[in-house]
Protein backbone atom coordinates (compact mmCIF):
# COMPACT_ATOMS: atom_id res chain seq x y z
CA UNK A 1 0.58 10.86 6.43
CA UNK A 2 -1.10 13.57 4.96
CA UNK A 3 -3.47 12.38 2.00
CA UNK A 4 -2.58 14.50 -1.34
CA UNK A 5 -3.49 15.07 -4.80
CA UNK A 6 -1.89 13.49 -7.46
CA UNK A 7 -2.53 13.10 -11.30
CA UNK A 8 -4.69 8.88 -12.10
CA UNK A 9 -3.02 8.97 -15.44
CA UNK A 10 0.64 9.85 -14.71
CA UNK A 11 -0.08 7.68 -11.38
CA UNK A 12 -1.51 4.82 -13.80
CA UNK A 13 1.56 5.69 -16.53
CA UNK A 14 4.50 5.40 -13.51
CA UNK A 15 2.30 2.25 -12.05
CA UNK A 16 2.29 0.44 -15.04
CA UNK A 17 5.80 0.99 -15.78
CA UNK A 18 7.25 0.20 -12.42
CA UNK A 19 5.06 -3.18 -12.94
CA UNK A 20 6.40 -3.95 -16.40
CA UNK A 21 9.52 -3.47 -15.29
CA UNK A 22 9.82 -5.53 -12.26
CA UNK A 23 8.59 -8.41 -14.21
CA UNK A 24 11.36 -8.06 -16.87
CA UNK A 25 13.66 -7.65 -14.58
CA UNK A 26 12.68 -10.77 -12.65
CA UNK A 27 12.24 -13.21 -15.21
CA UNK A 28 15.48 -12.31 -17.20
CA UNK A 29 17.57 -12.03 -14.14
CA UNK A 30 16.48 -15.10 -12.57
CA UNK A 31 16.88 -16.82 -15.86
CA UNK A 32 20.56 -15.36 -16.02
CA UNK A 33 21.67 -15.98 -12.62
CA UNK A 34 19.78 -19.92 -12.52
CA UNK A 35 21.74 -20.73 -16.04
CA UNK A 36 25.23 -19.66 -14.86
CA UNK A 37 24.83 -21.97 -11.86
CA UNK A 38 23.40 -24.20 -13.84
CA UNK A 39 26.32 -24.34 -16.16
CA UNK A 40 28.43 -23.81 -13.33
CA UNK A 41 27.58 -26.36 -11.04
CA UNK A 42 25.61 -29.38 -13.08
CA UNK A 43 23.52 -31.95 -11.30
CA UNK A 44 23.49 -35.74 -12.50
CA UNK A 45 20.69 -36.25 -11.69
CA UNK A 46 19.12 -33.75 -14.00
CA UNK A 47 16.95 -31.54 -11.24
CA UNK A 48 18.63 -27.90 -10.85
CA UNK A 49 15.42 -26.94 -9.14
CA UNK A 50 17.87 -25.19 -6.37
CA UNK A 51 19.46 -23.27 -8.89
CA UNK A 52 16.66 -21.91 -10.44
CA UNK A 53 14.71 -21.27 -7.07
CA UNK A 54 18.09 -19.67 -5.95
CA UNK A 55 17.94 -17.67 -8.90
CA UNK A 56 14.40 -15.99 -8.40
CA UNK A 57 15.17 -15.58 -4.46
CA UNK A 58 18.16 -14.20 -5.21
CA UNK A 59 16.31 -11.53 -8.00
CA UNK A 60 13.06 -10.68 -5.77
CA UNK A 61 16.38 -8.91 -3.34
CA UNK A 62 17.84 -7.31 -6.03
CA UNK A 63 14.19 -5.87 -7.16
CA UNK A 64 13.17 -5.59 -4.14
CA UNK A 65 16.34 -3.63 -2.64
CA UNK A 66 16.05 -1.44 -6.21
CA UNK A 67 12.30 0.12 -5.29
CA UNK A 68 13.08 1.01 -1.67
CA UNK A 69 16.70 2.70 -3.50
CA UNK A 70 14.36 4.31 -5.93
CA UNK A 71 11.40 5.14 -3.90
CA UNK A 72 12.19 8.93 -2.85
CA UNK A 73 13.01 8.92 -6.72
CA UNK A 74 11.05 12.11 -8.60
CA UNK A 75 9.54 9.77 -11.07
CA UNK A 76 8.79 7.08 -8.16
CA UNK A 77 6.26 10.01 -6.33
CA UNK A 78 3.05 9.02 -7.16
CA UNK A 79 3.25 5.08 -6.57
CA UNK A 80 5.67 5.79 -3.14
CA UNK A 81 2.65 7.46 -2.29
CA UNK A 82 -0.27 5.45 -3.02
CA UNK A 83 2.26 2.70 -1.36
CA UNK A 84 2.99 4.38 1.96
CA UNK A 85 -1.37 5.57 1.42
CA UNK A 86 -2.27 1.94 1.68
CA UNK A 87 0.90 1.14 4.57
CA UNK A 88 -1.14 3.64 6.56
CA UNK A 89 -4.99 2.57 6.18
CA UNK A 90 -3.68 -1.03 6.96
CA UNK A 91 -2.54 -0.36 9.88
CA UNK A 92 -6.08 2.02 10.55
CA UNK A 93 -7.55 -1.27 9.27
CA UNK A 94 -5.50 -3.50 12.16
CA UNK A 95 -7.42 -0.95 14.97
CA UNK A 96 -10.71 -1.00 12.79
CA UNK A 97 -12.64 -2.75 15.29
CA UNK A 98 -11.38 -1.20 18.50
CA UNK A 99 -11.35 2.72 16.39
CA UNK A 100 -15.29 2.25 16.02
CA UNK A 101 -16.16 0.78 19.25
CA UNK A 102 -13.92 3.84 20.77
CA UNK A 103 -16.05 6.03 18.00
CA UNK A 104 -19.06 5.28 19.22
CA UNK A 105 -17.73 6.31 22.97
CA UNK A 106 -17.02 10.09 21.71
CA UNK A 107 -13.23 9.69 21.22
CA UNK A 108 -12.29 12.19 18.68
CA UNK A 109 -8.55 10.58 18.11
CA UNK A 110 -10.62 6.71 16.77
CA UNK A 111 -12.80 8.85 14.59
CA UNK A 112 -9.40 11.21 13.15
CA UNK A 113 -8.24 8.03 12.31
CA UNK A 114 -11.89 6.60 10.58
CA UNK A 115 -12.32 9.77 9.11
CA UNK A 116 -8.61 9.43 7.49
CA UNK A 117 -9.15 5.40 6.23
CA UNK A 118 -12.30 6.86 4.86
CA UNK A 119 -10.44 9.62 2.68
CA UNK A 120 -8.17 7.66 2.23
CA UNK A 121 -9.84 4.69 1.18
CA UNK A 122 -11.92 6.79 -0.93
CA UNK A 123 -8.86 8.37 -2.84
CA UNK A 124 -6.88 5.14 -3.28
CA UNK A 125 -9.92 3.60 -4.82
CA UNK A 126 -10.38 5.85 -7.15
CA UNK A 127 -7.54 5.64 -8.39
CA UNK A 128 -7.36 2.34 -8.87
CA UNK A 129 -11.18 2.31 -10.74
CA UNK A 130 -12.14 0.39 -8.10
CA UNK A 131 -15.71 1.96 -6.96
CA UNK A 132 -17.87 -1.25 -6.16
CA UNK A 133 -17.71 -0.59 -2.93
CA UNK A 134 -17.94 2.67 -2.99
CA UNK A 135 -21.62 2.81 -1.29
CA UNK A 136 -20.85 0.28 2.16
CA UNK A 137 -17.29 3.23 2.30
CA UNK A 138 -20.69 6.47 1.77
CA UNK A 139 -22.53 4.53 4.66
CA UNK A 140 -19.59 4.89 7.57
CA UNK A 141 -18.37 8.40 6.85
CA UNK A 142 -22.53 9.18 6.74
CA UNK A 143 -22.70 6.99 10.04
CA UNK A 144 -19.14 8.27 11.38
CA UNK A 145 -20.30 12.11 10.03
CA UNK A 146 -23.65 11.62 12.67
CA UNK A 147 -20.78 10.54 15.29
CA UNK A 148 -18.73 13.57 15.13
CA UNK A 149 -21.99 16.37 14.80
CA UNK A 150 -23.42 13.97 17.89
CA UNK A 151 -20.11 14.72 20.68
CA UNK A 152 -19.44 18.10 19.04
CA UNK A 153 -16.07 16.66 16.77
CA UNK A 154 -14.83 18.41 14.36
CA UNK A 155 -13.04 16.17 11.85
CA UNK A 156 -9.67 17.66 10.56
CA UNK A 157 -7.83 14.80 8.62
CA UNK A 158 -4.99 17.50 8.17
CA UNK A 159 -4.20 16.84 12.19
CA UNK A 160 -4.56 13.02 11.76
CA UNK A 161 -0.99 11.61 12.67
CA UNK A 162 -1.01 7.66 13.24
CA UNK A 163 0.99 7.98 16.21
CA UNK A 164 -2.96 8.01 17.97
CA UNK A 165 -3.50 4.54 16.44
CA UNK A 166 -0.85 2.98 19.45
CA UNK A 167 -3.63 3.85 22.19
CA UNK A 168 -6.30 1.43 20.74
């Protein structure tokens, strides 16, 4: 995955549209399904929990499948990119301890993965207006820059490939 420049306002408006649409479809579909099942199969005890639960589960699966199918739609480009970015950052985060240890020993792949993580996190936090922990990110970036300088490694994130994580 490569980092891309995306328009923050466009991303926020499309994300809000996706969220509101998903909530509305989930609510309407789950109610429609559960009420239909309650009408067709009424319970003498008056408890329809299982039909309500089934309505929510089926609706949730439907919304999930629809989102996966629409992920490649042009109007989902920014939202899908952020989803993919979060996934890529999560893969790196799972290996974070090993990556930091290897980078202290001069491993170029570990440093490159950390660099991608830092730049991706910075972009993600700016898109989501989550700049509270930016200072800790800047501190980690400074440490990584010093290690890269110490070992003479150039960190070009365009060369990053998630397959390098398998060695950590």
